[in-house]
Protein backbone atom coordinates (compact mmCIF):
# COMPACT_ATOMS: atom_id res chain seq x y z
CA UNK A 1 -11.17 -29.98 4.85
CA UNK A 2 -9.40 -27.31 2.78
CA UNK A 3 -10.94 -23.85 3.05
CA UNK A 4 -12.03 -22.30 -0.25
CA UNK A 5 -11.33 -18.55 -0.40
CA UNK A 6 -12.48 -16.18 -3.15
CA UNK A 7 -10.63 -12.85 -3.14
CA UNK A 8 -12.44 -9.92 -4.76
CA UNK A 9 -10.58 -6.74 -5.68
CA UNK A 10 -11.36 -3.64 -7.71
CA UNK A 11 -8.47 -4.08 -10.17
CA UNK A 12 -5.18 -5.90 -10.59
CA UNK A 13 -3.04 -3.00 -11.76
CA UNK A 14 0.43 -2.68 -10.24
CA UNK A 15 -0.05 -1.10 -6.82
CA UNK A 16 0.17 -1.69 -3.10
CA UNK A 17 -3.17 -3.44 -2.52
CA UNK A 18 -3.15 -5.70 -5.63
CA UNK A 19 0.41 -6.79 -4.82
CA UNK A 20 -0.61 -7.36 -1.21
CA UNK A 21 -3.48 -9.55 -2.42
CA UNK A 22 -1.12 -11.50 -4.67
CA UNK A 23 1.15 -12.26 -1.72
CA UNK A 24 -1.79 -13.25 0.49
CA UNK A 25 -3.40 -15.48 -2.16
CA UNK A 26 -0.11 -17.18 -3.04
CA UNK A 27 0.71 -17.76 0.63
CA UNK A 28 -2.77 -19.20 1.32
CA UNK A 29 -2.46 -21.55 -1.66
CA UNK A 30 0.92 -22.80 -0.46
CA UNK A 31 -0.65 -23.47 2.94
CA UNK A 32 -3.22 -25.78 1.36
CA UNK A 33 -6.21 -23.46 0.90
CA UNK A 34 -8.18 -23.52 -2.36
CA UNK A 35 -7.77 -19.97 -3.63
CA UNK A 36 -9.20 -17.97 -6.52
CA UNK A 37 -9.22 -14.26 -7.33
CA UNK A 38 -11.85 -12.12 -9.06
CA UNK A 39 -11.28 -8.51 -10.07
CA UNK A 40 -14.04 -6.14 -11.16
CA UNK A 41 -11.98 -4.48 -13.90
CA UNK A 42 -10.29 -5.99 -16.98
CA UNK A 43 -7.11 -8.02 -16.34
CA UNK A 44 -4.04 -6.14 -15.11
CA UNK A 45 -0.32 -6.89 -14.67
CA UNK A 46 -0.89 -8.58 -11.30
CA UNK A 47 -3.24 -11.05 -13.04
CA UNK A 48 -0.21 -12.56 -14.76
CA UNK A 49 1.67 -12.81 -11.47
CA UNK A 50 -1.26 -14.66 -9.88
CA UNK A 51 -1.67 -17.06 -12.76
CA UNK A 52 2.06 -17.83 -12.77
CA UNK A 53 1.66 -18.72 -9.08
CA UNK A 54 -1.16 -21.14 -9.95
CA UNK A 55 -3.98 -18.96 -8.62
CA UNK A 56 -7.17 -19.05 -10.73
CA UNK A 57 -8.01 -15.48 -11.73
CA UNK A 58 -11.16 -14.03 -13.31
CA UNK A 59 -11.69 -10.47 -14.58
CA UNK A 60 -15.27 -9.20 -14.80
CA UNK A 61 -14.43 -6.42 -17.26
CA UNK A 62 -16.25 -3.51 -15.63
CA UNK A 63 -16.15 -0.45 -17.90
CA UNK A 64 -16.15 2.05 -15.06
CA UNK A 65 -16.48 2.55 -11.34
CA UNK A 66 -20.23 2.04 -11.40
CA UNK A 67 -20.80 -0.53 -14.13
CA UNK A 68 -23.84 -2.12 -12.46
CA UNK A 69 -23.54 -5.29 -14.53
CA UNK A 70 -20.58 -6.30 -12.40
CA UNK A 71 -22.86 -7.20 -9.46
CA UNK A 72 -24.62 -9.95 -11.40
CA UNK A 73 -21.35 -11.20 -12.87
CA UNK A 74 -19.77 -11.40 -9.43
CA UNK A 75 -22.82 -13.17 -7.99
CA UNK A 76 -22.52 -15.74 -10.80
CA UNK A 77 -18.81 -16.22 -10.05
CA UNK A 78 -19.55 -16.76 -6.35
CA UNK A 79 -22.09 -19.46 -7.26
CA UNK A 80 -19.50 -21.13 -9.52
CA UNK A 81 -16.66 -21.12 -6.97
CA UNK A 82 -18.85 -21.93 -3.95
CA UNK A 83 -16.29 -20.45 -1.54
CA UNK A 84 -16.26 -20.91 2.20
CA UNK A 85 -15.01 -17.33 2.59
CA UNK A 86 -15.22 -14.25 0.37
CA UNK A 87 -12.53 -11.66 1.11
CA UNK A 88 -12.87 -8.29 -0.67
CA UNK A 89 -10.31 -5.49 -0.80
CA UNK A 90 -10.76 -1.82 -1.78
CA UNK A 91 -13.94 0.24 -1.65
CA UNK A 92 -15.62 -0.73 -4.93
CA UNK A 93 -14.85 -4.42 -4.40
CA UNK A 94 -16.22 -4.25 -0.84
CA UNK A 95 -19.54 -2.83 -2.03
CA UNK A 96 -19.76 -5.14 -5.05
CA UNK A 97 -19.05 -8.19 -2.90
CA UNK A 98 -21.71 -7.26 -0.35
CA UNK A 99 -24.40 -6.71 -2.98
CA UNK A 100 -23.39 -9.80 -4.95
CA UNK A 101 -23.51 -11.97 -1.83
CA UNK A 102 -27.02 -10.72 -1.13
CA UNK A 103 -28.01 -11.44 -4.74
CA UNK A 104 -26.72 -15.03 -4.69
CA UNK A 105 -27.69 -15.63 -1.05
CA UNK A 106 -24.14 -16.29 0.07
CA UNK A 107 -23.97 -16.11 3.89
CA UNK A 108 -22.79 -12.60 4.68
CA UNK A 109 -21.34 -13.91 7.96
CA UNK A 110 -18.62 -15.42 5.74
CA UNK A 111 -17.79 -12.18 3.93
CA UNK A 112 -14.70 -10.21 4.99
CA UNK A 113 -14.10 -6.67 3.75
CA UNK A 114 -10.78 -4.87 3.93
CA UNK A 115 -9.79 -1.20 3.85
CA UNK A 116 -6.14 -0.22 3.58
CA UNK A 117 -6.21 3.55 3.81
CA UNK A 118 -7.71 6.25 5.98
CA UNK A 119 -10.01 7.82 3.40
CA UNK A 120 -10.03 11.64 3.59
CA UNK A 121 -10.72 12.77 0.03
CA UNK A 122 -13.99 10.92 -0.57
CA UNK A 123 -15.96 10.91 2.70
CA UNK A 124 -18.97 9.45 0.92
CA UNK A 125 -16.99 6.19 0.70
CA UNK A 126 -17.17 5.96 4.48
CA UNK A 127 -20.91 6.69 4.43
CA UNK A 128 -21.54 3.79 2.03
CA UNK A 129 -19.26 1.52 4.06
CA UNK A 130 -21.28 2.36 7.16
CA UNK A 131 -24.65 1.76 5.44
CA UNK A 132 -23.58 -1.62 4.03
CA UNK A 133 -21.48 -2.89 6.95
CA UNK A 134 -24.27 -5.21 8.13
CA UNK A 135 -23.79 -7.28 4.97
CA UNK A 136 -20.37 -8.56 6.02
CA UNK A 137 -18.95 -10.28 9.08
CA UNK A 138 -15.94 -8.04 9.65
CA UNK A 139 -13.90 -5.21 8.14
CA UNK A 140 -10.13 -5.59 8.31
CA UNK A 141 -7.91 -2.54 8.71
CA UNK A 142 -4.14 -2.72 8.27
CA UNK A 143 -3.07 -0.21 10.93
CA UNK A 144 -4.37 1.17 14.23
CA UNK A 145 -4.93 4.54 12.55
CA UNK A 146 -7.12 2.99 9.84
CA UNK A 147 -9.15 1.15 12.48
CA UNK A 148 -9.61 4.34 14.49
CA UNK A 149 -10.57 6.29 11.37
CA UNK A 150 -13.21 3.71 10.47
CA UNK A 151 -14.58 3.78 14.01
CA UNK A 152 -14.71 7.55 14.45
CA UNK A 153 -15.04 9.12 10.98
CA UNK A 154 -16.84 6.12 9.48
CA UNK A 155 -18.90 5.33 12.58
CA UNK A 156 -18.45 1.61 11.96
CA UNK A 157 -19.04 -0.52 15.03
CA UNK A 158 -15.84 -1.41 16.88
CA UNK A 159 -17.04 -5.02 17.21
CA UNK A 160 -17.05 -5.30 13.41
CA UNK A 161 -13.46 -4.03 12.99
CA UNK A 162 -10.42 -6.31 12.95
CA UNK A 163 -6.76 -5.24 12.89
CA UNK A 164 -4.23 -7.17 10.82
CA UNK A 165 -1.04 -5.15 10.54
CA UNK A 166 0.66 -5.03 7.16
CA UNK A 167 4.06 -6.60 6.71
CA UNK A 168 6.88 -7.16 4.24
CA UNK A 169 9.69 -9.63 3.60
CA UNK A 170 12.88 -7.90 4.81
CA UNK A 171 15.14 -10.66 3.46
CA UNK A 172 14.17 -9.74 -0.12
CA UNK A 173 15.40 -6.20 0.52
CA UNK A 174 18.58 -7.36 2.21
CA UNK A 175 19.59 -9.63 -0.69
CA UNK A 176 19.10 -7.04 -3.46
CA UNK A 177 22.23 -5.62 -5.06
CA UNK A 178 22.48 -1.82 -5.41
CA UNK A 179 22.25 -0.29 -8.87
CA UNK A 180 24.87 1.71 -10.73
CA UNK A 181 24.14 5.43 -10.36
CA UNK A 182 24.79 6.12 -14.02
CA UNK A 183 22.14 3.56 -14.90
CA UNK A 184 19.70 5.74 -13.00
CA UNK A 185 20.75 8.78 -15.01
CA UNK A 186 22.81 10.28 -12.17
CA UNK A 187 26.34 11.37 -13.03
CA UNK A 188 27.31 13.13 -9.76
CA UNK A 189 28.23 11.77 -6.32
CA UNK A 190 25.62 13.72 -4.37
CA UNK A 191 23.17 11.81 -2.12
CA UNK A 192 20.03 10.23 -3.56
CA UNK A 193 16.63 10.90 -2.01
CA UNK A 194 14.23 8.18 -3.10
CA UNK A 195 10.43 8.12 -3.30
CA UNK A 196 8.45 5.05 -4.38
CA UNK A 197 4.74 4.84 -5.04
CA UNK A 198 1.83 5.71 -7.32
CA UNK A 199 1.86 9.10 -9.01
CA UNK A 200 -1.30 10.49 -7.44
CA UNK A 201 -2.20 13.77 -5.70
CA UNK A 202 -2.74 11.98 -2.37
CA UNK A 203 0.96 11.03 -2.31
CA UNK A 204 2.05 14.63 -1.63
CA UNK A 205 4.23 14.95 -4.72
CA UNK A 206 3.56 18.67 -5.11
CA UNK A 207 4.84 19.24 -1.58
CA UNK A 208 7.79 16.93 -2.24
CA UNK A 209 9.00 18.91 -5.26
CA UNK A 210 8.69 22.19 -3.35
CA UNK A 211 10.53 20.75 -0.34
CA UNK A 212 13.27 19.28 -2.55
CA UNK A 213 13.84 22.70 -4.13
CA UNK A 214 14.47 24.07 -0.62
CA UNK A 215 16.78 21.18 0.29
CA UNK A 216 18.81 21.47 -2.90
CA UNK A 217 19.63 25.12 -2.15
CA UNK A 218 21.21 24.02 1.15
CA UNK A 219 22.62 20.58 0.32
CA UNK A 220 23.18 19.44 -3.29
CA UNK A 221 21.43 16.10 -3.82
CA UNK A 222 19.28 14.13 -6.26
CA UNK A 223 15.63 13.10 -6.10
CA UNK A 224 14.58 9.82 -7.70
CA UNK A 225 10.87 9.09 -8.20
CA UNK A 226 9.96 5.45 -8.89
CA UNK A 227 6.36 4.92 -9.92
CA UNK A 228 3.75 5.66 -12.52
CA UNK A 229 0.28 7.15 -12.63
CA UNK A 230 -2.07 9.68 -14.19
CA UNK A 231 -0.52 12.51 -12.15
CA UNK A 232 2.79 12.26 -14.01
CA UNK A 233 2.27 15.29 -16.33
CA UNK A 234 1.53 17.52 -13.33
CA UNK A 235 4.68 16.30 -11.53
CA UNK A 236 6.82 16.81 -14.63
CA UNK A 237 5.43 20.32 -15.01
CA UNK A 238 6.29 21.22 -11.40
CA UNK A 239 9.82 19.86 -11.84
CA UNK A 240 10.29 21.93 -15.00
CA UNK A 241 8.93 25.12 -13.41
CA UNK A 242 11.24 24.64 -10.41
CA UNK A 243 14.26 24.29 -12.71
CA UNK A 244 15.12 20.87 -11.28
CA UNK A 245 15.14 18.71 -14.40
CA UNK A 246 18.85 17.95 -13.99
CA UNK A 247 18.34 16.83 -10.37
CA UNK A 248 15.04 14.94 -10.40
CA UNK A 249 14.85 11.57 -12.15
CA UNK A 250 11.47 10.00 -12.96
CA UNK A 251 12.02 6.28 -13.46
CA UNK A 252 8.44 5.20 -14.08
CA UNK A 253 7.20 1.84 -12.79
CA UNK A 254 10.02 -0.41 -11.58
CA UNK A 255 10.25 -4.07 -10.65
CA UNK A 256 13.62 -3.63 -8.88
CA UNK A 257 12.56 -1.50 -5.91
CA UNK A 258 14.74 -3.46 -3.42
CA UNK A 259 17.80 -2.59 -5.49
CA UNK A 260 16.69 1.04 -5.71
CA UNK A 261 16.39 1.17 -1.93
CA UNK A 262 19.90 -0.16 -1.54
CA UNK A 263 21.15 2.55 -3.92
CA UNK A 264 19.74 5.54 -2.00
CA UNK A 265 20.86 7.51 1.03
CA UNK A 266 17.45 8.76 2.25
CA UNK A 267 13.82 7.73 1.72
CA UNK A 268 11.13 10.41 1.63
CA UNK A 269 7.39 9.76 1.83
CA UNK A 270 5.18 12.90 2.10
CA UNK A 271 1.71 11.34 1.65
CA UNK A 272 -1.47 13.15 2.65
CA UNK A 273 -2.94 9.89 3.94
CA UNK A 274 -1.95 6.20 3.97
CA UNK A 275 -2.92 2.95 5.64
CA UNK A 276 0.16 0.81 6.18
CA UNK A 277 2.55 1.79 3.37
CA UNK A 278 4.64 -1.11 2.12
CA UNK A 279 7.01 1.33 0.41
CA UNK A 280 7.85 2.90 3.76
CA UNK A 281 8.23 -0.48 5.49
CA UNK A 282 10.58 -1.68 2.74
CA UNK A 283 12.68 1.48 3.00
CA UNK A 284 12.94 1.00 6.76
CA UNK A 285 13.93 -2.64 6.24
CA UNK A 286 16.70 -1.43 3.93
CA UNK A 287 18.10 0.61 6.82
CA UNK A 288 17.42 3.96 5.16
CA UNK A 289 16.77 7.03 7.29
CA UNK A 290 13.13 7.81 6.44
CA UNK A 291 11.38 11.17 6.42
CA UNK A 292 7.59 10.95 6.19
CA UNK A 293 4.46 12.90 7.03
CA UNK A 294 2.66 12.28 10.32
CA UNK A 295 -0.46 10.82 8.72
CA UNK A 296 -2.36 7.57 9.22
CA UNK A 297 -0.07 4.64 8.52
CA UNK A 298 3.19 6.57 8.62
CA UNK A 299 2.71 7.67 12.23
CA UNK A 300 1.86 4.06 13.15
CA UNK A 301 5.22 2.88 11.80
CA UNK A 302 7.63 5.71 12.64
CA UNK A 303 8.41 6.89 16.15
CA UNK A 304 9.56 10.44 15.42
CA UNK A 305 13.20 10.92 16.28
CA UNK A 306 13.74 7.28 17.23
CA UNK A 307 13.50 5.38 13.93
CA UNK A 308 12.64 8.11 11.43
CA UNK A 309 11.53 11.72 11.20
CA UNK A 310 7.97 13.00 10.76
CA UNK A 311 6.75 16.31 9.38
CA UNK A 312 3.22 17.68 9.45
CA UNK A 313 1.29 16.92 6.25
CA UNK A 314 1.48 19.84 3.84
CA UNK A 315 4.37 21.46 5.74
CA UNK A 316 6.97 21.75 2.99
CA UNK A 317 9.34 23.77 5.17
CA UNK A 318 9.19 21.14 7.92
CA UNK A 319 9.69 18.34 5.38
CA UNK A 320 12.71 20.15 3.92
CA UNK A 321 14.20 20.79 7.36
CA UNK A 322 13.91 17.09 8.27
CA UNK A 323 15.60 16.08 5.02
CA UNK A 324 18.43 18.53 5.59
CA UNK A 325 18.91 17.12 9.10
CA UNK A 326 19.52 13.55 7.91
CA UNK A 327 21.61 14.70 4.95
CA UNK A 328 23.83 16.81 7.22
CA UNK A 329 24.23 14.43 10.16
CA UNK A 330 25.68 11.02 9.28
CA UNK A 331 25.39 9.74 12.84
CA UNK A 332 21.70 10.64 12.98
CA UNK A 333 21.07 9.02 9.61
CA UNK A 334 22.82 5.80 10.64
CA UNK A 335 21.01 5.65 13.98
CA UNK A 336 17.58 6.18 12.44
CA UNK A 337 18.24 3.64 9.69
CA UNK A 338 19.47 0.94 12.06
CA UNK A 339 16.52 1.42 14.42
CA UNK A 340 14.06 1.36 11.52
CA UNK A 341 15.49 -1.88 10.14
CA UNK A 342 15.34 -3.55 13.55
CA UNK A 343 11.73 -2.46 14.09
CA UNK A 344 10.48 -3.84 10.77
CA UNK A 345 12.19 -7.19 11.35
CA UNK A 346 10.68 -7.35 14.82
CA UNK A 347 7.15 -6.05 14.26
CA UNK A 348 6.22 -5.98 10.56
CA UNK A 349 7.14 -9.30 9.04
CA UNK A 350 5.03 -10.47 6.14
CA UNK A 351 4.58 -14.02 7.44
CA UNK A 352 2.98 -12.72 10.66
CA UNK A 353 0.46 -10.74 8.62
CA UNK A 354 -0.39 -13.60 6.27
CA UNK A 355 -0.78 -16.15 9.06
CA UNK A 356 -3.24 -13.78 10.73
CA UNK A 357 -5.43 -13.96 7.61
CA UNK A 358 -5.45 -17.76 7.71
CA UNK A 359 -6.44 -17.67 11.36
CA UNK A 360 -9.31 -15.29 10.53
CA UNK A 361 -10.54 -17.53 7.70
CA UNK A 362 -10.55 -20.55 10.01
CA UNK A 363 -12.58 -18.66 12.61
CA UNK A 364 -15.04 -17.42 9.99
CA UNK A 365 -15.66 -20.95 8.74
CA UNK A 366 -15.96 -22.28 12.30
CA UNK A 367 -18.39 -19.49 13.16
CA UNK A 368 -16.39 -18.38 16.19
């Protein structure tokens, strides 16, 4: 019998978790599962990707974070789909799925929640997760640090937590052709430092601009930022005030990240918190020397000095020093990049991650 899985997510905007869901849902469908996706918000760009892959997608059209009507709409959708497993991702989707399953009397022992970041800015999220944890079978975390954070800061029972490490497809990175520097708006031959992600305060972009200003005074280079978000005006303002407009390129959202990675010399990732950052894994797969902050997710992936360099979060001087090290020492950069690429291919392959989900679904349905 084919397992029916309903994925529930807060939104389907372009971002790490929605794209992760799209890969998981597409993989599950190819493996013979009956898959559908429901997002709380209006449709987003990832909705199109899912539909093109043959995955039925429904948007509930919530008008805000706490549009209470979404609970009834989701309960109705669960009744229509009659899934064997409901798998929710992101905080609002986790809570909505738990309440909707109670409303429509769906067995909560077949509800899986998932959290993909170590929440530090909104501790009340963890409080609500803890209060509602009894209404789901298990909570998946994507890195050991996320699991530990949920257990200690969130006080969620260890028996309810389940680790499935994130993963990527390194072959996609390997096959991508590098881009012409002039097409990126760079007319010099100085090294490119690349950052990829969502323009958001939690990504440490303020610290990155300050650190880059320090680096540039020592070693001429370029900083390329690939991503979009509401924080963009603040980032642009900091770049202007630092006098770096001729050295920092803001590309906006890009669909050619593998090619960008193969066009850079160094990857920098100064987040204040993470879970299991795909952007960092992809940069490591590309063989780039990576400089990141020693926060949840990043410290799970990088062994400082062996396959990347770590700086303390918020330490702009330490971040700048690490960047100068890899820019000034070709042998170090090559060693770190080669070790990073080998680690991702060995430990963080996408197919391992996605097969682990299928195994979990089978055990949920079997009641084991």
